[in-house]
Amino acid sequence: MEIRELTCINCPMGCLLTVEMDGDEIKEISGYTCPRGKTYAQKEVTNPTRIVTSTVKVVGGKRERVACKTAHDIPKDKISAVMEAINAAQVQAPVVIGEVLIPDVAGTGVDVIATAHAV
């Protein structure tokens, strides 16, 4: 039996969660004060994902870089590959919020989108 302790990041409460595992099977989850905490714990121990935020180089504009993020969460083990693609990318100004900067980043099926304007 393995015990994993997590801090839920779904809301400001930051509940301390305890997940009892038997191999890959979840036996019990405790410490959550809302259903989102239980869902977070289940996902975190079986298939952890993250939204990646960063900046992309802008060419031909007043700003050198523009803020961006993955449009959806990606598998945690793909973060390095996603960051390599973001660091290698450059976009032409102007850039608008929501614009797809990198489609299907690192083969994840998720786009990197602008979260700011760059002119």
PDB file of N, CA and C in Angstrom:
ATOM      1  N   MET A   1       0.858  -1.184   0.000  1.00  0.00           N
ATOM      2  CA  MET A   1       0.000   0.000   0.000  1.00  0.00           C
ATOM      3  C   MET A   1       0.897   1.238   0.000  1.00  0.00           C
ATOM      4  N   GLU A   2       0.618   2.147  -0.918  1.00  0.00           N
ATOM      5  CA  GLU A   2       1.372   3.399  -1.024  1.00  0.00           C
ATOM      6  C   GLU A   2       0.458   4.550  -0.643  1.00  0.00           C
ATOM      7  N   ILE A   3       1.007   5.515   0.083  1.00  0.00           N
ATOM      8  CA  ILE A   3       0.273   6.719   0.470  1.00  0.00           C
ATOM      9  C   ILE A   3       0.892   7.902  -0.265  1.00  0.00           C
ATOM     10  N   ARG A   4       0.055   8.651  -0.984  1.00  0.00           N
ATOM     11  CA  ARG A   4       0.513   9.870  -1.660  1.00  0.00           C
ATOM     12  C   ARG A   4      -0.210  11.056  -1.042  1.00  0.00           C
ATOM     13  N   GLU A   5       0.555  12.094  -0.715  1.00  0.00           N
ATOM     14  CA  GLU A   5      -0.025  13.313  -0.163  1.00  0.00           C
ATOM     15  C   GLU A   5       0.080  14.418  -1.200  1.00  0.00           C
ATOM     16  N   LEU A   6      -1.018  15.114  -1.408  1.00  0.00           N
ATOM     17  CA  LEU A   6      -1.112  16.164  -2.417  1.00  0.00           C
ATOM     18  C   LEU A   6      -1.759  17.396  -1.809  1.00  0.00           C
ATOM     19  N   THR A   7      -1.519  18.533  -2.417  1.00  0.00           N
ATOM     20  CA  THR A   7      -2.253  19.751  -2.085  1.00  0.00           C
ATOM     21  C   THR A   7      -3.107  20.087  -3.289  1.00  0.00           C
ATOM     22  N   CYS A   8      -4.401  20.161  -3.090  1.00  0.00           N
ATOM     23  CA  CYS A   8      -5.325  20.458  -4.177  1.00  0.00           C
ATOM     24  C   CYS A   8      -5.097  21.895  -4.664  1.00  0.00           C
ATOM     25  N   ILE A   9      -5.085  22.078  -5.979  1.00  0.00           N
ATOM     26  CA  ILE A   9      -4.866  23.406  -6.565  1.00  0.00           C
ATOM     27  C   ILE A   9      -6.096  23.917  -7.306  1.00  0.00           C
ATOM     28  N   ASN A  10      -7.253  23.312  -7.074  1.00  0.00           N
ATOM     29  CA  ASN A  10      -8.462  23.715  -7.792  1.00  0.00           C
ATOM     30  C   ASN A  10      -9.141  24.953  -7.223  1.00  0.00           C
ATOM     31  N   CYS A  11      -8.838  25.312  -6.003  1.00  0.00           N
ATOM     32  CA  CYS A  11      -9.423  26.522  -5.426  1.00  0.00           C
ATOM     33  C   CYS A  11      -8.480  27.042  -4.338  1.00  0.00           C
ATOM     34  N   PRO A  12      -8.744  28.217  -3.796  1.00  0.00           N
ATOM     35  CA  PRO A  12      -7.848  28.785  -2.782  1.00  0.00           C
ATOM     36  C   PRO A  12      -7.788  28.018  -1.453  1.00  0.00           C
ATOM     37  N   MET A  13      -8.684  27.072  -1.222  1.00  0.00           N
ATOM     38  CA  MET A  13      -8.679  26.313   0.037  1.00  0.00           C
ATOM     39  C   MET A  13      -7.382  25.527   0.213  1.00  0.00           C
ATOM     40  N   GLY A  14      -6.833  24.987  -0.860  1.00  0.00           N
ATOM     41  CA  GLY A  14      -5.577  24.233  -0.784  1.00  0.00           C
ATOM     42  C   GLY A  14      -5.678  23.023   0.129  1.00  0.00           C
ATOM     43  N   CYS A  15      -6.711  22.242  -0.013  1.00  0.00           N
ATOM     44  CA  CYS A  15      -6.913  21.073   0.845  1.00  0.00           C
ATOM     45  C   CYS A  15      -5.731  20.110   0.746  1.00  0.00           C
ATOM     46  N   LEU A  16      -5.345  19.549   1.884  1.00  0.00           N
ATOM     47  CA  LEU A  16      -4.308  18.536   1.931  1.00  0.00           C
ATOM     48  C   LEU A  16      -4.973  17.184   1.713  1.00  0.00           C
ATOM     49  N   LEU A  17      -4.639  16.552   0.594  1.00  0.00           N
ATOM     50  CA  LEU A  17      -5.282  15.306   0.195  1.00  0.00           C
ATOM     51  C   LEU A  17      -4.364  14.127   0.466  1.00  0.00           C
ATOM     52  N   THR A  18      -4.964  13.010   0.837  1.00  0.00           N
ATOM     53  CA  THR A  18      -4.231  11.758   1.014  1.00  0.00           C
ATOM     54  C   THR A  18      -4.870  10.724   0.104  1.00  0.00           C
ATOM     55  N   VAL A  19      -4.008  10.095  -0.718  1.00  0.00           N
ATOM     56  CA  VAL A  19      -4.489   9.070  -1.643  1.00  0.00           C
ATOM     57  C   VAL A  19      -3.795   7.767  -1.286  1.00  0.00           C
ATOM     58  N   GLU A  20      -4.604   6.747  -0.973  1.00  0.00           N
ATOM     59  CA  GLU A  20      -4.066   5.415  -0.710  1.00  0.00           C
ATOM     60  C   GLU A  20      -4.139   4.614  -1.998  1.00  0.00           C
ATOM     61  N   MET A  21      -2.974   4.099  -2.425  1.00  0.00           N
ATOM     62  CA  MET A  21      -2.873   3.359  -3.683  1.00  0.00           C
ATOM     63  C   MET A  21      -2.452   1.924  -3.403  1.00  0.00           C
ATOM     64  N   ASP A  22      -2.983   1.016  -4.193  1.00  0.00           N
ATOM     65  CA  ASP A  22      -2.524  -0.373  -4.203  1.00  0.00           C
ATOM     66  C   ASP A  22      -2.106  -0.640  -5.643  1.00  0.00           C
ATOM     67  N   GLY A  23      -0.801  -0.465  -5.926  1.00  0.00           N
ATOM     68  CA  GLY A  23      -0.328  -0.515  -7.304  1.00  0.00           C
ATOM     69  C   GLY A  23      -0.864   0.696  -8.042  1.00  0.00           C
ATOM     70  N   ASP A  24      -1.565   0.471  -9.146  1.00  0.00           N
ATOM     71  CA  ASP A  24      -2.156   1.568  -9.919  1.00  0.00           C
ATOM     72  C   ASP A  24      -3.601   1.854  -9.521  1.00  0.00           C
ATOM     73  N   GLU A  25      -4.113   1.109  -8.550  1.00  0.00           N
ATOM     74  CA  GLU A  25      -5.510   1.251  -8.138  1.00  0.00           C
ATOM     75  C   GLU A  25      -5.639   2.172  -6.929  1.00  0.00           C
ATOM     76  N   ILE A  26      -6.567   3.128  -7.039  1.00  0.00           N
ATOM     77  CA  ILE A  26      -6.867   4.023  -5.921  1.00  0.00           C
ATOM     78  C   ILE A  26      -7.791   3.300  -4.962  1.00  0.00           C
ATOM     79  N   LYS A  27      -7.369   3.194  -3.707  1.00  0.00           N
ATOM     80  CA  LYS A  27      -8.187   2.551  -2.682  1.00  0.00           C
ATOM     81  C   LYS A  27      -9.044   3.567  -1.920  1.00  0.00           C
ATOM     82  N   GLU A  28      -8.437   4.719  -1.583  1.00  0.00           N
ATOM     83  CA  GLU A  28      -9.184   5.719  -0.818  1.00  0.00           C
ATOM     84  C   GLU A  28      -8.571   7.091  -1.030  1.00  0.00           C
ATOM     85  N   ILE A  29      -9.438   8.103  -1.060  1.00  0.00           N
ATOM     86  CA  ILE A  29      -9.010   9.504  -1.131  1.00  0.00           C
ATOM     87  C   ILE A  29      -9.652  10.218   0.047  1.00  0.00           C
ATOM     88  N   SER A  30      -8.848  10.969   0.785  1.00  0.00           N
ATOM     89  CA  SER A  30      -9.391  11.713   1.924  1.00  0.00           C
ATOM     90  C   SER A  30      -8.772  13.108   1.971  1.00  0.00           C
ATOM     91  N   GLY A  31      -9.408  13.980   2.755  1.00  0.00           N
ATOM     92  CA  GLY A  31      -8.904  15.328   2.963  1.00  0.00           C
ATOM     93  C   GLY A  31      -9.559  16.398   2.113  1.00  0.00           C
ATOM     94  N   TYR A  32     -10.354  16.024   1.134  1.00  0.00           N
ATOM     95  CA  TYR A  32     -10.996  17.018   0.267  1.00  0.00           C
ATOM     96  C   TYR A  32     -12.262  17.543   0.936  1.00  0.00           C
ATOM     97  N   THR A  33     -12.570  18.818   0.646  1.00  0.00           N
ATOM     98  CA  THR A  33     -13.789  19.405   1.216  1.00  0.00           C
ATOM     99  C   THR A  33     -14.850  19.649   0.158  1.00  0.00           C
ATOM    100  N   CYS A  34     -14.515  19.374  -1.119  1.00  0.00           N
ATOM    101  CA  CYS A  34     -15.497  19.495  -2.193  1.00  0.00           C
ATOM    102  C   CYS A  34     -15.201  18.441  -3.259  1.00  0.00           C
ATOM    103  N   PRO A  35     -16.147  18.167  -4.125  1.00  0.00           N
ATOM    104  CA  PRO A  35     -15.949  17.132  -5.148  1.00  0.00           C
ATOM    105  C   PRO A  35     -14.772  17.414  -6.081  1.00  0.00           C
ATOM    106  N   ARG A  36     -14.446  18.700  -6.289  1.00  0.00           N
ATOM    107  CA  ARG A  36     -13.319  19.033  -7.168  1.00  0.00           C
ATOM    108  C   ARG A  36     -12.003  18.503  -6.606  1.00  0.00           C
ATOM    109  N   GLY A  37     -11.877  18.471  -5.301  1.00  0.00           N
ATOM    110  CA  GLY A  37     -10.663  17.949  -4.678  1.00  0.00           C
ATOM    111  C   GLY A  37     -10.483  16.470  -4.945  1.00  0.00           C
ATOM    112  N   LYS A  38     -11.562  15.726  -4.847  1.00  0.00           N
ATOM    113  CA  LYS A  38     -11.503  14.290  -5.123  1.00  0.00           C
ATOM    114  C   LYS A  38     -11.140  14.039  -6.582  1.00  0.00           C
ATOM    115  N   THR A  39     -11.773  14.783  -7.481  1.00  0.00           N
ATOM    116  CA  THR A  39     -11.490  14.653  -8.914  1.00  0.00           C
ATOM    117  C   THR A  39     -10.030  14.998  -9.214  1.00  0.00           C
ATOM    118  N   TYR A  40      -9.533  16.075  -8.598  1.00  0.00           N
ATOM    119  CA  TYR A  40      -8.139  16.481  -8.783  1.00  0.00           C
ATOM    120  C   TYR A  40      -7.196  15.358  -8.345  1.00  0.00           C
ATOM    121  N   ALA A  41      -7.437  14.787  -7.184  1.00  0.00           N
ATOM    122  CA  ALA A  41      -6.570  13.724  -6.663  1.00  0.00           C
ATOM    123  C   ALA A  41      -6.573  12.510  -7.597  1.00  0.00           C
ATOM    124  N   GLN A  42      -7.746  12.126  -8.058  1.00  0.00           N
ATOM    125  CA  GLN A  42      -7.839  10.982  -8.979  1.00  0.00           C
ATOM    126  C   GLN A  42      -7.015  11.224 -10.234  1.00  0.00           C
ATOM    127  N   LYS A  43      -7.167  12.395 -10.810  1.00  0.00           N
ATOM    128  CA  LYS A  43      -6.449  12.723 -12.043  1.00  0.00           C
ATOM    129  C   LYS A  43      -4.947  12.858 -11.792  1.00  0.00           C
ATOM    130  N   GLU A  44      -4.575  13.459 -10.694  1.00  0.00           N
ATOM    131  CA  GLU A  44      -3.163  13.721 -10.409  1.00  0.00           C
ATOM    132  C   GLU A  44      -2.362  12.433 -10.217  1.00  0.00           C
ATOM    133  N   VAL A  45      -2.968  11.415  -9.649  1.00  0.00           N
ATOM    134  CA  VAL A  45      -2.220  10.168  -9.433  1.00  0.00           C
ATOM    135  C   VAL A  45      -2.303   9.209 -10.617  1.00  0.00           C
ATOM    136  N   THR A  46      -3.254   9.426 -11.530  1.00  0.00           N
ATOM    137  CA  THR A  46      -3.384   8.508 -12.669  1.00  0.00           C
ATOM    138  C   THR A  46      -2.925   9.117 -13.989  1.00  0.00           C
ATOM    139  N   ASN A  47      -3.166  10.404 -14.196  1.00  0.00           N
ATOM    140  CA  ASN A  47      -2.811  11.055 -15.453  1.00  0.00           C
ATOM    141  C   ASN A  47      -2.605  12.550 -15.211  1.00  0.00           C
ATOM    142  N   PRO A  48      -1.482  12.935 -14.592  1.00  0.00           N
ATOM    143  CA  PRO A  48      -1.281  14.348 -14.261  1.00  0.00           C
ATOM    144  C   PRO A  48      -1.115  15.213 -15.511  1.00  0.00           C
ATOM    145  N   THR A  49      -1.757  16.374 -15.500  1.00  0.00           N
ATOM    146  CA  THR A  49      -1.684  17.314 -16.612  1.00  0.00           C
ATOM    147  C   THR A  49      -1.457  18.723 -16.083  1.00  0.00           C
ATOM    148  N   ARG A  50      -0.999  19.593 -16.965  1.00  0.00           N
ATOM    149  CA  ARG A  50      -0.779  20.986 -16.597  1.00  0.00           C
ATOM    150  C   ARG A  50      -1.080  21.881 -17.790  1.00  0.00           C
ATOM    151  N   ILE A  51      -1.445  23.130 -17.515  1.00  0.00           N
ATOM    152  CA  ILE A  51      -1.482  24.178 -18.529  1.00  0.00           C
ATOM    153  C   ILE A  51      -0.132  24.871 -18.440  1.00  0.00           C
ATOM    154  N   VAL A  52       0.503  25.066 -19.589  1.00  0.00           N
ATOM    155  CA  VAL A  52       1.822  25.690 -19.640  1.00  0.00           C
ATOM    156  C   VAL A  52       1.654  27.152 -20.052  1.00  0.00           C
ATOM    157  N   THR A  53       2.273  28.058 -19.319  1.00  0.00           N
ATOM    158  CA  THR A  53       2.279  29.475 -19.675  1.00  0.00           C
ATOM    159  C   THR A  53       3.716  29.901 -19.935  1.00  0.00           C
ATOM    160  N   SER A  54       3.904  30.792 -20.906  1.00  0.00           N
ATOM    161  CA  SER A  54       5.248  31.239 -21.266  1.00  0.00           C
ATOM    162  C   SER A  54       5.136  32.487 -22.137  1.00  0.00           C
ATOM    163  N   THR A  55       6.156  32.737 -22.940  1.00  0.00           N
ATOM    164  CA  THR A  55       6.144  33.813 -23.926  1.00  0.00           C
ATOM    165  C   THR A  55       6.768  33.306 -25.221  1.00  0.00           C
ATOM    166  N   VAL A  56       6.358  33.910 -26.340  1.00  0.00           N
ATOM    167  CA  VAL A  56       6.878  33.571 -27.661  1.00  0.00           C
ATOM    168  C   VAL A  56       7.498  34.833 -28.254  1.00  0.00           C
ATOM    169  N   LYS A  57       8.591  34.654 -28.970  1.00  0.00           N
ATOM    170  CA  LYS A  57       9.272  35.772 -29.615  1.00  0.00           C
ATOM    171  C   LYS A  57       8.381  36.390 -30.692  1.00  0.00           C
ATOM    172  N   VAL A  58       8.357  37.741 -30.743  1.00  0.00           N
ATOM    173  CA  VAL A  58       7.583  38.480 -31.736  1.00  0.00           C
ATOM    174  C   VAL A  58       8.559  39.182 -32.680  1.00  0.00           C
ATOM    175  N   VAL A  59       8.311  39.051 -33.978  1.00  0.00           N
ATOM    176  CA  VAL A  59       9.129  39.691 -35.005  1.00  0.00           C
ATOM    177  C   VAL A  59       8.327  40.833 -35.620  1.00  0.00           C
ATOM    178  N   GLY A  60       8.982  41.981 -35.804  1.00  0.00           N
ATOM    179  CA  GLY A  60       8.343  43.096 -36.499  1.00  0.00           C
ATOM    180  C   GLY A  60       7.354  43.884 -35.671  1.00  0.00           C
ATOM    181  N   GLY A  61       7.486  43.837 -34.378  1.00  0.00           N
ATOM    182  CA  GLY A  61       6.559  44.568 -33.518  1.00  0.00           C
ATOM    183  C   GLY A  61       7.285  45.411 -32.490  1.00  0.00           C
ATOM    184  N   LYS A  62       6.519  46.114 -31.678  1.00  0.00           N
ATOM    185  CA  LYS A  62       7.087  46.942 -30.615  1.00  0.00           C
ATOM    186  C   LYS A  62       7.532  46.099 -29.421  1.00  0.00           C
ATOM    187  N   ARG A  63       6.886  44.960 -29.230  1.00  0.00           N
ATOM    188  CA  ARG A  63       7.230  44.061 -28.126  1.00  0.00           C
ATOM    189  C   ARG A  63       8.168  42.972 -28.637  1.00  0.00           C
ATOM    190  N   GLU A  64       9.089  42.549 -27.778  1.00  0.00           N
ATOM    191  CA  GLU A  64       9.985  41.460 -28.145  1.00  0.00           C
ATOM    192  C   GLU A  64       9.323  40.095 -27.978  1.00  0.00           C
ATOM    193  N   ARG A  65       8.387  39.992 -27.023  1.00  0.00           N
ATOM    194  CA  ARG A  65       7.741  38.715 -26.739  1.00  0.00           C
ATOM    195  C   ARG A  65       6.266  38.959 -26.434  1.00  0.00           C
ATOM    196  N   VAL A  66       5.464  37.901 -26.587  1.00  0.00           N
ATOM    197  CA  VAL A  66       4.043  37.972 -26.265  1.00  0.00           C
ATOM    198  C   VAL A  66       3.703  36.804 -25.336  1.00  0.00           C
ATOM    199  N   ALA A  67       2.865  37.076 -24.345  1.00  0.00           N
ATOM    200  CA  ALA A  67       2.440  36.041 -23.405  1.00  0.00           C
ATOM    201  C   ALA A  67       1.584  35.006 -24.116  1.00  0.00           C
ATOM    202  N   CYS A  68       1.734  33.747 -23.687  1.00  0.00           N
ATOM    203  CA  CYS A  68       0.974  32.669 -24.307  1.00  0.00           C
ATOM    204  C   CYS A  68       0.718  31.562 -23.294  1.00  0.00           C
ATOM    205  N   LYS A  69      -0.136  30.624 -23.677  1.00  0.00           N
ATOM    206  CA  LYS A  69      -0.418  29.454 -22.856  1.00  0.00           C
ATOM    207  C   LYS A  69      -0.951  28.346 -23.741  1.00  0.00           C
ATOM    208  N   THR A  70      -0.920  27.130 -23.209  1.00  0.00           N
ATOM    209  CA  THR A  70      -1.574  26.041 -23.926  1.00  0.00           C
ATOM    210  C   THR A  70      -3.079  26.240 -23.762  1.00  0.00           C
ATOM    211  N   ALA A  71      -3.820  25.971 -24.828  1.00  0.00           N
ATOM    212  CA  ALA A  71      -5.269  26.195 -24.805  1.00  0.00           C
ATOM    213  C   ALA A  71      -5.972  25.258 -23.833  1.00  0.00           C
ATOM    214  N   HIS A  72      -5.368  24.103 -23.578  1.00  0.00           N
ATOM    215  CA  HIS A  72      -5.902  23.115 -22.636  1.00  0.00           C
ATOM    216  C   HIS A  72      -4.726  22.496 -21.893  1.00  0.00           C
ATOM    217  N   ASP A  73      -5.020  21.705 -20.905  1.00  0.00           N
ATOM    218  CA  ASP A  73      -3.934  21.047 -20.190  1.00  0.00           C
ATOM    219  C   ASP A  73      -3.313  19.961 -21.064  1.00  0.00           C
ATOM    220  N   ILE A  74      -2.035  19.713 -20.805  1.00  0.00           N
ATOM    221  CA  ILE A  74      -1.270  18.712 -21.541  1.00  0.00           C
ATOM    222  C   ILE A  74      -0.718  17.700 -20.545  1.00  0.00           C
ATOM    223  N   PRO A  75      -0.342  16.504 -21.004  1.00  0.00           N
ATOM    224  CA  PRO A  75       0.281  15.547 -20.090  1.00  0.00           C
ATOM    225  C   PRO A  75       1.548  16.145 -19.482  1.00  0.00           C
ATOM    226  N   LYS A  76       1.725  15.957 -18.213  1.00  0.00           N
ATOM    227  CA  LYS A  76       2.850  16.531 -17.483  1.00  0.00           C
ATOM    228  C   LYS A  76       4.188  16.118 -18.087  1.00  0.00           C
ATOM    229  N   ASP A  77       4.271  14.904 -18.616  1.00  0.00           N
ATOM    230  CA  ASP A  77       5.535  14.446 -19.180  1.00  0.00           C
ATOM    231  C   ASP A  77       5.856  15.069 -20.540  1.00  0.00           C
ATOM    232  N   LYS A  78       4.962  15.898 -21.071  1.00  0.00           N
ATOM    233  CA  LYS A  78       5.198  16.592 -22.345  1.00  0.00           C
ATOM    234  C   LYS A  78       5.634  18.046 -22.150  1.00  0.00           C
ATOM    235  N   ILE A  79       5.752  18.495 -20.898  1.00  0.00           N
ATOM    236  CA  ILE A  79       6.086  19.898 -20.642  1.00  0.00           C
ATOM    237  C   ILE A  79       7.411  20.291 -21.287  1.00  0.00           C
ATOM    238  N   SER A  80       8.444  19.479 -21.166  1.00  0.00           N
ATOM    239  CA  SER A  80       9.749  19.825 -21.749  1.00  0.00           C
ATOM    240  C   SER A  80       9.659  19.983 -23.257  1.00  0.00           C
ATOM    241  N   ALA A  81       8.985  19.066 -23.929  1.00  0.00           N
ATOM    242  CA  ALA A  81       8.841  19.142 -25.384  1.00  0.00           C
ATOM    243  C   ALA A  81       8.041  20.379 -25.788  1.00  0.00           C
ATOM    244  N   VAL A  82       7.011  20.704 -25.027  1.00  0.00           N
ATOM    245  CA  VAL A  82       6.202  21.896 -25.308  1.00  0.00           C
ATOM    246  C   VAL A  82       7.050  23.153 -25.136  1.00  0.00           C
ATOM    247  N   MET A  83       7.838  23.219 -24.072  1.00  0.00           N
ATOM    248  CA  MET A  83       8.689  24.385 -23.843  1.00  0.00           C
ATOM    249  C   MET A  83       9.764  24.522 -24.915  1.00  0.00           C
ATOM    250  N   GLU A  84      10.299  23.427 -25.400  1.00  0.00           N
ATOM    251  CA  GLU A  84      11.268  23.485 -26.503  1.00  0.00           C
ATOM    252  C   GLU A  84      10.623  24.114 -27.732  1.00  0.00           C
ATOM    253  N   ALA A  85       9.401  23.698 -28.051  1.00  0.00           N
ATOM    254  CA  ALA A  85       8.692  24.245 -29.207  1.00  0.00           C
ATOM    255  C   ALA A  85       8.386  25.730 -29.012  1.00  0.00           C
ATOM    256  N   ILE A  86       7.967  26.107 -27.814  1.00  0.00           N
ATOM    257  CA  ILE A  86       7.671  27.518 -27.526  1.00  0.00           C
ATOM    258  C   ILE A  86       8.937  28.354 -27.645  1.00  0.00           C
ATOM    259  N   ASN A  87      10.038  27.864 -27.081  1.00  0.00           N
ATOM    260  CA  ASN A  87      11.292  28.617 -27.120  1.00  0.00           C
ATOM    261  C   ASN A  87      11.842  28.762 -28.542  1.00  0.00           C
ATOM    262  N   ALA A  88      11.551  27.818 -29.409  1.00  0.00           N
ATOM    263  CA  ALA A  88      12.026  27.862 -30.795  1.00  0.00           C
ATOM    264  C   ALA A  88      11.114  28.696 -31.700  1.00  0.00           C
ATOM    265  N   ALA A  89       9.901  28.968 -31.260  1.00  0.00           N
ATOM    266  CA  ALA A  89       8.901  29.641 -32.098  1.00  0.00           C
ATOM    267  C   ALA A  89       9.135  31.147 -32.163  1.00  0.00           C
ATOM    268  N   GLN A  90       8.681  31.726 -33.272  1.00  0.00           N
ATOM    269  CA  GLN A  90       8.575  33.173 -33.385  1.00  0.00           C
ATOM    270  C   GLN A  90       7.366  33.486 -34.248  1.00  0.00           C
ATOM    271  N   VAL A  91       6.694  34.568 -33.913  1.00  0.00           N
ATOM    272  CA  VAL A  91       5.485  34.956 -34.632  1.00  0.00           C
ATOM    273  C   VAL A  91       5.632  36.379 -35.151  1.00  0.00           C
ATOM    274  N   GLN A  92       4.913  36.668 -36.198  1.00  0.00           N
ATOM    275  CA  GLN A  92       4.940  37.996 -36.810  1.00  0.00           C
ATOM    276  C   GLN A  92       3.892  38.892 -36.164  1.00  0.00           C
ATOM    277  N   ALA A  93       4.271  40.111 -35.828  1.00  0.00           N
ATOM    278  CA  ALA A  93       3.316  41.095 -35.310  1.00  0.00           C
ATOM    279  C   ALA A  93       2.406  41.530 -36.447  1.00  0.00           C
ATOM    280  N   PRO A  94       1.181  41.913 -36.185  1.00  0.00           N
ATOM    281  CA  PRO A  94       0.516  41.997 -34.890  1.00  0.00           C
ATOM    282  C   PRO A  94      -0.039  40.641 -34.434  1.00  0.00           C
ATOM    283  N   VAL A  95      -0.144  40.509 -33.132  1.00  0.00           N
ATOM    284  CA  VAL A  95      -0.700  39.306 -32.510  1.00  0.00           C
ATOM    285  C   VAL A  95      -1.896  39.741 -31.670  1.00  0.00           C
ATOM    286  N   VAL A  96      -2.982  38.970 -31.724  1.00  0.00           N
ATOM    287  CA  VAL A  96      -4.171  39.295 -30.926  1.00  0.00           C
ATOM    288  C   VAL A  96      -4.452  38.176 -29.922  1.00  0.00           C
ATOM    289  N   ILE A  97      -5.086  38.537 -28.838  1.00  0.00           N
ATOM    290  CA  ILE A  97      -5.436  37.555 -27.809  1.00  0.00           C
ATOM    291  C   ILE A  97      -6.269  36.436 -28.427  1.00  0.00           C
ATOM    292  N   GLY A  98      -5.907  35.205 -28.096  1.00  0.00           N
ATOM    293  CA  GLY A  98      -6.631  34.047 -28.589  1.00  0.00           C
ATOM    294  C   GLY A  98      -6.081  33.490 -29.896  1.00  0.00           C
ATOM    295  N   GLU A  99      -5.180  34.213 -30.536  1.00  0.00           N
ATOM    296  CA  GLU A  99      -4.594  33.749 -31.799  1.00  0.00           C
ATOM    297  C   GLU A  99      -3.759  32.486 -31.556  1.00  0.00           C
ATOM    298  N   VAL A 100      -3.899  31.522 -32.448  1.00  0.00           N
ATOM    299  CA  VAL A 100      -3.100  30.302 -32.342  1.00  0.00           C
ATOM    300  C   VAL A 100      -1.690  30.626 -32.801  1.00  0.00           C
ATOM    301  N   LEU A 101      -0.731  30.440 -31.899  1.00  0.00           N
ATOM    302  CA  LEU A 101       0.669  30.715 -32.207  1.00  0.00           C
ATOM    303  C   LEU A 101       1.403  29.453 -32.651  1.00  0.00           C
ATOM    304  N   ILE A 102       1.077  28.325 -32.026  1.00  0.00           N
ATOM    305  CA  ILE A 102       1.676  27.040 -32.374  1.00  0.00           C
ATOM    306  C   ILE A 102       0.558  26.000 -32.357  1.00  0.00           C
ATOM    307  N   PRO A 103       0.137  25.527 -33.535  1.00  0.00           N
ATOM    308  CA  PRO A 103      -0.898  24.487 -33.536  1.00  0.00           C
ATOM    309  C   PRO A 103      -0.314  23.138 -33.130  1.00  0.00           C
ATOM    310  N   ASP A 104      -1.099  22.332 -32.454  1.00  0.00           N
ATOM    311  CA  ASP A 104      -0.700  20.963 -32.088  1.00  0.00           C
ATOM    312  C   ASP A 104       0.732  20.905 -31.551  1.00  0.00           C
ATOM    313  N   VAL A 105       1.000  21.690 -30.532  1.00  0.00           N
ATOM    314  CA  VAL A 105       2.364  21.798 -30.001  1.00  0.00           C
ATOM    315  C   VAL A 105       2.885  20.439 -29.530  1.00  0.00           C
ATOM    316  N   ALA A 106       4.049  20.081 -29.992  1.00  0.00           N
ATOM    317  CA  ALA A 106       4.755  18.843 -29.607  1.00  0.00           C
ATOM    318  C   ALA A 106       3.884  17.602 -29.768  1.00  0.00           C
ATOM    319  N   GLY A 107       2.982  17.633 -30.746  1.00  0.00           N
ATOM    320  CA  GLY A 107       2.141  16.471 -31.005  1.00  0.00           C
ATOM    321  C   GLY A 107       1.132  16.160 -29.917  1.00  0.00           C
ATOM    322  N   THR A 108       0.795  17.150 -29.103  1.00  0.00           N
ATOM    323  CA  THR A 108      -0.146  16.943 -27.998  1.00  0.00           C
ATOM    324  C   THR A 108      -1.606  17.065 -28.432  1.00  0.00           C
ATOM    325  N   GLY A 109      -1.837  17.655 -29.608  1.00  0.00           N
ATOM    326  CA  GLY A 109      -3.201  17.941 -30.031  1.00  0.00           C
ATOM    327  C   GLY A 109      -3.734  19.227 -29.431  1.00  0.00           C
ATOM    328  N   VAL A 110      -2.882  19.959 -28.720  1.00  0.00           N
ATOM    329  CA  VAL A 110      -3.264  21.193 -28.054  1.00  0.00           C
ATOM    330  C   VAL A 110      -2.496  22.358 -28.686  1.00  0.00           C
ATOM    331  N   ASP A 111      -3.199  23.472 -28.923  1.00  0.00           N
ATOM    332  CA  ASP A 111      -2.572  24.662 -29.493  1.00  0.00           C
ATOM    333  C   ASP A 111      -2.001  25.547 -28.413  1.00  0.00           C
ATOM    334  N   VAL A 112      -0.958  26.308 -28.772  1.00  0.00           N
ATOM    335  CA  VAL A 112      -0.476  27.394 -27.916  1.00  0.00           C
ATOM    336  C   VAL A 112      -1.118  28.664 -28.444  1.00  0.00           C
ATOM    337  N   ILE A 113      -1.766  29.423 -27.554  1.00  0.00           N
ATOM    338  CA  ILE A 113      -2.486  30.625 -27.953  1.00  0.00           C
ATOM    339  C   ILE A 113      -1.928  31.855 -27.243  1.00  0.00           C
ATOM    340  N   ALA A 114      -2.095  33.006 -27.877  1.00  0.00           N
ATOM    341  CA  ALA A 114      -1.664  34.274 -27.287  1.00  0.00           C
ATOM    342  C   ALA A 114      -2.619  34.667 -26.162  1.00  0.00           C
ATOM    343  N   THR A 115      -2.044  35.204 -25.086  1.00  0.00           N
ATOM    344  CA  THR A 115      -2.877  35.687 -23.983  1.00  0.00           C
ATOM    345  C   THR A 115      -2.743  37.207 -23.811  1.00  0.00           C
ATOM    346  N   ALA A 116      -2.110  37.841 -24.807  1.00  0.00           N
ATOM    347  CA  ALA A 116      -1.957  39.298 -24.819  1.00  0.00           C
ATOM    348  C   ALA A 116      -1.861  39.749 -26.268  1.00  0.00           C
ATOM    349  N   HIS A 117      -1.986  41.054 -26.464  1.00  0.00           N
ATOM    350  CA  HIS A 117      -1.790  41.649 -27.792  1.00  0.00           C
ATOM    351  C   HIS A 117      -0.322  42.026 -27.953  1.00  0.00           C
ATOM    352  N   ALA A 118       0.160  41.996 -29.178  1.00  0.00           N
ATOM    353  CA  ALA A 118       1.500  42.488 -29.483  1.00  0.00           C
ATOM    354  C   ALA A 118       1.420  43.165 -30.851  1.00  0.00           C
ATOM    355  N   VAL A 119       1.736  44.471 -30.872  1.00  0.00           N
ATOM    356  CA  VAL A 119       1.698  45.215 -32.132  1.00  0.00           C
ATOM    357  C   VAL A 119       3.090  45.650 -32.518  1.00  0.00           C
TER     358      VAL A 119
END
